[in-house]
N, C-alpha and C. Protein backbone atom coordinates (compact mmCIF):
# COMPACT_ATOMS: atom_id res chain seq x y z
N UNK A 1 -69.75 38.89 -21.15
CA UNK A 1 -68.76 38.97 -20.09
C UNK A 1 -68.70 37.62 -19.38
N UNK A 2 -67.52 37.11 -19.18
CA UNK A 2 -67.37 35.82 -18.52
C UNK A 2 -67.36 36.01 -17.00
N UNK A 3 -67.50 34.91 -16.30
CA UNK A 3 -67.51 34.98 -14.84
C UNK A 3 -66.19 35.49 -14.28
N UNK A 4 -65.08 35.13 -14.92
CA UNK A 4 -63.78 35.57 -14.42
C UNK A 4 -63.62 37.08 -14.52
N UNK A 5 -64.10 37.67 -15.59
CA UNK A 5 -64.00 39.12 -15.75
C UNK A 5 -64.94 39.84 -14.81
N UNK A 6 -66.09 39.27 -14.56
CA UNK A 6 -67.09 39.93 -13.73
C UNK A 6 -66.68 40.02 -12.27
N UNK A 7 -66.04 38.97 -11.75
CA UNK A 7 -65.70 38.92 -10.34
C UNK A 7 -64.20 38.96 -10.08
N UNK A 8 -63.47 39.65 -10.92
CA UNK A 8 -62.03 39.70 -10.79
C UNK A 8 -61.62 40.60 -9.62
N UNK A 9 -60.76 40.09 -8.78
CA UNK A 9 -60.31 40.83 -7.60
C UNK A 9 -59.19 41.79 -8.00
N UNK A 10 -59.01 42.88 -7.23
CA UNK A 10 -57.90 43.79 -7.52
C UNK A 10 -56.55 43.09 -7.38
N UNK A 11 -55.53 43.66 -8.01
CA UNK A 11 -54.19 43.05 -7.99
C UNK A 11 -53.66 42.85 -6.58
N UNK A 12 -53.88 43.84 -5.71
CA UNK A 12 -53.30 43.72 -4.37
C UNK A 12 -54.00 42.64 -3.55
N UNK A 13 -55.18 42.20 -3.96
CA UNK A 13 -55.83 41.06 -3.31
C UNK A 13 -55.32 39.76 -3.92
N UNK A 14 -55.25 39.71 -5.24
CA UNK A 14 -54.82 38.49 -5.91
C UNK A 14 -53.38 38.13 -5.60
N UNK A 15 -52.51 39.13 -5.51
CA UNK A 15 -51.09 38.87 -5.30
C UNK A 15 -50.74 38.72 -3.83
N UNK A 16 -51.74 38.82 -2.95
CA UNK A 16 -51.56 38.68 -1.51
C UNK A 16 -50.50 39.65 -0.99
N UNK A 17 -50.49 40.85 -1.54
CA UNK A 17 -49.53 41.86 -1.10
C UNK A 17 -50.16 42.67 0.04
N UNK A 18 -49.40 43.61 0.52
CA UNK A 18 -49.86 44.46 1.61
C UNK A 18 -50.97 45.40 1.14
N UNK A 19 -51.73 45.89 2.09
CA UNK A 19 -52.77 46.87 1.80
C UNK A 19 -52.10 48.13 1.27
N UNK A 20 -52.64 48.74 0.21
CA UNK A 20 -52.00 49.93 -0.33
C UNK A 20 -51.96 51.06 0.70
N UNK A 21 -50.85 51.78 0.78
CA UNK A 21 -50.73 52.84 1.78
C UNK A 21 -51.61 54.04 1.43
N UNK A 22 -51.91 54.83 2.45
CA UNK A 22 -52.68 56.05 2.25
C UNK A 22 -51.73 57.12 1.73
N UNK A 23 -52.12 57.78 0.66
CA UNK A 23 -51.26 58.81 0.07
C UNK A 23 -51.40 60.12 0.85
N UNK A 24 -50.46 61.03 0.62
CA UNK A 24 -50.52 62.33 1.29
C UNK A 24 -51.75 63.11 0.86
N UNK A 25 -52.14 62.96 -0.40
CA UNK A 25 -53.32 63.66 -0.89
C UNK A 25 -54.58 63.16 -0.16
N UNK A 26 -54.66 61.85 0.05
CA UNK A 26 -55.80 61.30 0.77
C UNK A 26 -55.82 61.77 2.22
N UNK A 27 -54.64 61.85 2.85
CA UNK A 27 -54.57 62.34 4.23
C UNK A 27 -55.04 63.79 4.32
N UNK A 28 -54.67 64.61 3.33
CA UNK A 28 -55.11 66.01 3.33
C UNK A 28 -56.62 66.10 3.17
N UNK A 29 -57.17 65.28 2.30
CA UNK A 29 -58.63 65.28 2.10
C UNK A 29 -59.34 64.85 3.37
N UNK A 30 -58.82 63.81 4.04
CA UNK A 30 -59.41 63.37 5.31
C UNK A 30 -59.36 64.48 6.35
N UNK A 31 -58.23 65.18 6.44
CA UNK A 31 -58.07 66.23 7.44
C UNK A 31 -59.01 67.39 7.16
N UNK A 32 -59.09 67.81 5.91
CA UNK A 32 -59.98 68.92 5.56
C UNK A 32 -61.44 68.54 5.82
N UNK A 33 -61.82 67.33 5.45
CA UNK A 33 -63.21 66.91 5.67
C UNK A 33 -63.52 66.80 7.16
N UNK A 34 -62.51 66.50 7.97
CA UNK A 34 -62.72 66.39 9.41
C UNK A 34 -63.11 67.73 10.01
N UNK A 35 -62.58 68.82 9.46
CA UNK A 35 -62.92 70.15 9.97
C UNK A 35 -64.38 70.53 9.67
N UNK A 36 -65.01 69.82 8.76
CA UNK A 36 -66.43 70.05 8.49
C UNK A 36 -67.30 69.05 9.24
N UNK A 37 -66.84 67.82 9.35
CA UNK A 37 -67.65 66.76 9.93
C UNK A 37 -67.82 66.93 11.44
N UNK A 38 -66.73 67.15 12.15
CA UNK A 38 -66.80 67.22 13.62
C UNK A 38 -67.68 68.38 14.08
N UNK A 39 -67.47 69.61 13.59
CA UNK A 39 -68.37 70.69 14.04
C UNK A 39 -69.83 70.44 13.66
N UNK A 40 -70.07 69.86 12.49
CA UNK A 40 -71.45 69.57 12.10
C UNK A 40 -72.08 68.57 13.06
N UNK A 41 -71.34 67.51 13.40
CA UNK A 41 -71.88 66.49 14.31
C UNK A 41 -72.16 67.08 15.69
N UNK A 42 -71.26 67.91 16.18
CA UNK A 42 -71.48 68.54 17.48
C UNK A 42 -72.66 69.49 17.44
N UNK A 43 -72.79 70.25 16.36
CA UNK A 43 -73.95 71.14 16.22
C UNK A 43 -75.24 70.34 16.16
N UNK A 44 -75.23 69.25 15.41
CA UNK A 44 -76.43 68.42 15.28
C UNK A 44 -76.82 67.83 16.64
N UNK A 45 -75.84 67.42 17.44
CA UNK A 45 -76.14 66.92 18.78
C UNK A 45 -76.75 67.99 19.65
N UNK A 46 -76.24 69.22 19.56
CA UNK A 46 -76.80 70.33 20.32
C UNK A 46 -78.23 70.66 19.85
N UNK A 47 -78.44 70.63 18.56
CA UNK A 47 -79.76 70.89 18.00
C UNK A 47 -80.76 69.84 18.49
N UNK A 48 -80.37 68.57 18.46
CA UNK A 48 -81.25 67.50 18.92
C UNK A 48 -81.50 67.59 20.42
N UNK A 49 -80.52 68.07 21.17
CA UNK A 49 -80.72 68.27 22.61
C UNK A 49 -81.83 69.29 22.86
N UNK A 50 -81.83 70.36 22.06
CA UNK A 50 -82.91 71.35 22.17
C UNK A 50 -84.26 70.76 21.84
N UNK A 51 -84.31 69.94 20.82
CA UNK A 51 -85.57 69.28 20.46
C UNK A 51 -86.02 68.32 21.56
N UNK A 52 -85.06 67.62 22.16
CA UNK A 52 -85.39 66.67 23.22
C UNK A 52 -85.95 67.38 24.44
N UNK A 53 -85.44 68.56 24.74
CA UNK A 53 -85.96 69.31 25.89
C UNK A 53 -87.37 69.81 25.67
N UNK A 54 -87.78 69.91 24.42
CA UNK A 54 -89.14 70.35 24.11
C UNK A 54 -90.11 69.19 23.94
N UNK A 55 -89.72 68.00 24.35
CA UNK A 55 -90.66 66.89 24.38
C UNK A 55 -90.52 65.85 23.29
N UNK A 56 -89.60 66.01 22.38
CA UNK A 56 -89.41 65.00 21.34
C UNK A 56 -88.54 63.89 21.91
N UNK A 57 -89.16 62.77 22.28
CA UNK A 57 -88.42 61.71 22.98
C UNK A 57 -87.39 61.03 22.10
N UNK A 58 -87.62 60.96 20.79
CA UNK A 58 -86.63 60.33 19.91
C UNK A 58 -85.36 61.16 19.79
N UNK A 59 -85.48 62.44 20.00
CA UNK A 59 -84.32 63.31 19.89
C UNK A 59 -83.27 63.00 20.95
N UNK A 60 -83.65 62.35 22.04
CA UNK A 60 -82.66 61.99 23.05
C UNK A 60 -81.63 61.02 22.49
N UNK A 61 -82.07 60.12 21.64
CA UNK A 61 -81.13 59.19 21.01
C UNK A 61 -80.15 59.95 20.13
N UNK A 62 -80.67 60.85 19.31
CA UNK A 62 -79.82 61.62 18.40
C UNK A 62 -78.90 62.57 19.15
N UNK A 63 -79.33 63.02 20.33
CA UNK A 63 -78.49 63.89 21.14
C UNK A 63 -77.15 63.25 21.45
N UNK A 64 -77.17 61.95 21.68
CA UNK A 64 -75.92 61.24 21.99
C UNK A 64 -75.31 60.59 20.75
N UNK A 65 -76.12 60.36 19.73
CA UNK A 65 -75.63 59.70 18.52
C UNK A 65 -74.70 60.62 17.72
N UNK A 66 -75.06 61.88 17.56
CA UNK A 66 -74.24 62.78 16.74
C UNK A 66 -72.86 63.03 17.33
N UNK A 67 -72.73 63.29 18.64
CA UNK A 67 -71.37 63.41 19.19
C UNK A 67 -70.58 62.10 19.09
N UNK A 68 -71.27 60.95 19.15
CA UNK A 68 -70.60 59.68 18.95
C UNK A 68 -70.01 59.61 17.55
N UNK A 69 -70.76 60.08 16.54
CA UNK A 69 -70.25 60.10 15.17
C UNK A 69 -69.02 61.00 15.06
N UNK A 70 -69.03 62.13 15.78
CA UNK A 70 -67.86 63.03 15.77
C UNK A 70 -66.65 62.30 16.35
N UNK A 71 -66.84 61.62 17.46
CA UNK A 71 -65.74 60.87 18.06
C UNK A 71 -65.26 59.73 17.17
N UNK A 72 -66.19 59.06 16.53
CA UNK A 72 -65.83 57.97 15.63
C UNK A 72 -65.03 58.49 14.44
N UNK A 73 -65.42 59.65 13.91
CA UNK A 73 -64.68 60.20 12.78
C UNK A 73 -63.26 60.61 13.20
N UNK A 74 -63.10 61.14 14.42
CA UNK A 74 -61.76 61.45 14.91
C UNK A 74 -60.92 60.19 15.09
N UNK A 75 -61.54 59.14 15.62
CA UNK A 75 -60.83 57.88 15.81
C UNK A 75 -60.39 57.30 14.46
N UNK A 76 -61.28 57.28 13.49
CA UNK A 76 -60.94 56.73 12.18
C UNK A 76 -59.90 57.58 11.47
N UNK A 77 -60.02 58.90 11.59
CA UNK A 77 -59.02 59.79 10.99
C UNK A 77 -57.64 59.52 11.57
N UNK A 78 -57.57 59.39 12.89
CA UNK A 78 -56.29 59.13 13.55
C UNK A 78 -55.73 57.79 13.10
N UNK A 79 -56.58 56.79 13.03
CA UNK A 79 -56.12 55.46 12.65
C UNK A 79 -55.62 55.42 11.20
N UNK A 80 -56.37 56.04 10.30
CA UNK A 80 -55.99 56.03 8.89
C UNK A 80 -54.74 56.89 8.65
N UNK A 81 -54.66 58.04 9.33
CA UNK A 81 -53.51 58.92 9.11
C UNK A 81 -52.21 58.30 9.61
N UNK A 82 -52.30 57.39 10.56
CA UNK A 82 -51.10 56.68 11.03
C UNK A 82 -50.77 55.46 10.18
N UNK A 83 -51.63 55.15 9.23
CA UNK A 83 -51.38 54.01 8.36
C UNK A 83 -51.90 52.70 8.92
N UNK A 84 -52.67 52.76 9.99
CA UNK A 84 -53.23 51.56 10.60
C UNK A 84 -54.58 51.25 9.95
N UNK A 85 -54.50 50.71 8.75
CA UNK A 85 -55.70 50.42 7.97
C UNK A 85 -56.11 48.98 8.23
N UNK A 86 -57.39 48.74 8.50
CA UNK A 86 -57.82 47.36 8.71
C UNK A 86 -57.52 46.50 7.48
N UNK A 87 -57.04 45.32 7.73
CA UNK A 87 -56.73 44.41 6.62
C UNK A 87 -58.00 43.75 6.13
N UNK A 88 -58.09 43.63 4.85
CA UNK A 88 -59.23 42.96 4.23
C UNK A 88 -58.92 41.47 4.16
N UNK A 89 -59.84 40.63 4.63
CA UNK A 89 -59.56 39.19 4.55
C UNK A 89 -59.33 38.77 3.11
N UNK A 90 -58.36 37.94 2.90
CA UNK A 90 -58.03 37.45 1.57
C UNK A 90 -58.98 36.31 1.20
N UNK A 91 -59.72 36.47 0.12
CA UNK A 91 -60.62 35.39 -0.28
C UNK A 91 -59.84 34.25 -0.93
N UNK A 92 -60.36 33.07 -0.81
CA UNK A 92 -59.79 31.91 -1.48
C UNK A 92 -60.41 31.87 -2.87
N UNK A 93 -59.71 32.45 -3.83
CA UNK A 93 -60.28 32.62 -5.16
C UNK A 93 -60.53 31.30 -5.87
N UNK A 94 -59.68 30.33 -5.64
CA UNK A 94 -59.89 29.03 -6.28
C UNK A 94 -61.17 28.38 -5.77
N UNK A 95 -61.40 28.46 -4.46
CA UNK A 95 -62.60 27.87 -3.89
C UNK A 95 -63.85 28.62 -4.36
N UNK A 96 -63.77 29.93 -4.45
CA UNK A 96 -64.90 30.71 -4.95
C UNK A 96 -65.23 30.36 -6.39
N UNK A 97 -64.19 30.19 -7.22
CA UNK A 97 -64.41 29.82 -8.63
C UNK A 97 -65.03 28.43 -8.71
N UNK A 98 -64.55 27.52 -7.88
CA UNK A 98 -65.09 26.16 -7.87
C UNK A 98 -66.56 26.18 -7.45
N UNK A 99 -66.88 26.95 -6.40
CA UNK A 99 -68.27 27.05 -5.94
C UNK A 99 -69.18 27.67 -7.01
N UNK A 100 -68.65 28.68 -7.71
CA UNK A 100 -69.44 29.31 -8.78
C UNK A 100 -69.69 28.34 -9.93
N UNK A 101 -68.68 27.56 -10.30
CA UNK A 101 -68.86 26.58 -11.36
C UNK A 101 -69.87 25.52 -10.96
N UNK A 102 -69.83 25.08 -9.70
CA UNK A 102 -70.80 24.10 -9.23
C UNK A 102 -72.21 24.67 -9.23
N UNK A 103 -72.34 25.94 -8.83
CA UNK A 103 -73.66 26.57 -8.82
C UNK A 103 -74.19 26.72 -10.25
N UNK A 104 -73.31 27.05 -11.20
CA UNK A 104 -73.75 27.15 -12.60
C UNK A 104 -74.17 25.78 -13.12
N UNK A 105 -73.48 24.73 -12.71
CA UNK A 105 -73.82 23.38 -13.16
C UNK A 105 -75.16 22.94 -12.61
N UNK A 106 -75.48 23.32 -11.40
CA UNK A 106 -76.77 22.95 -10.80
C UNK A 106 -77.91 23.76 -11.39
N UNK A 107 -77.62 24.99 -11.79
CA UNK A 107 -78.67 25.87 -12.32
C UNK A 107 -79.10 25.43 -13.73
N UNK A 108 -78.22 24.74 -14.43
CA UNK A 108 -78.56 24.36 -15.81
C UNK A 108 -79.22 23.05 -15.89
């Protein structure tokens, strides 16, 4: 396998096109998974709160961490479902190839 095949970027990165949109199927999967994630995170926070009240000092961190994860999942679901997907920085492929060739030359 050559270096070009090994580190080949996807078409939408190479062509400097827009980030691919989220499909309806992906939105449905996100929504369905949200109905499992949020209640689980809230339950886990409540469970850790009970442990914290019985003297487990580390459980205090988890008491607030799990509801934070629930809120984060709601925030990300809302952002993705609206199509506001973070853009991936475009790598300078020519510079990366040049750096890789220089590194191979030094290694030999």
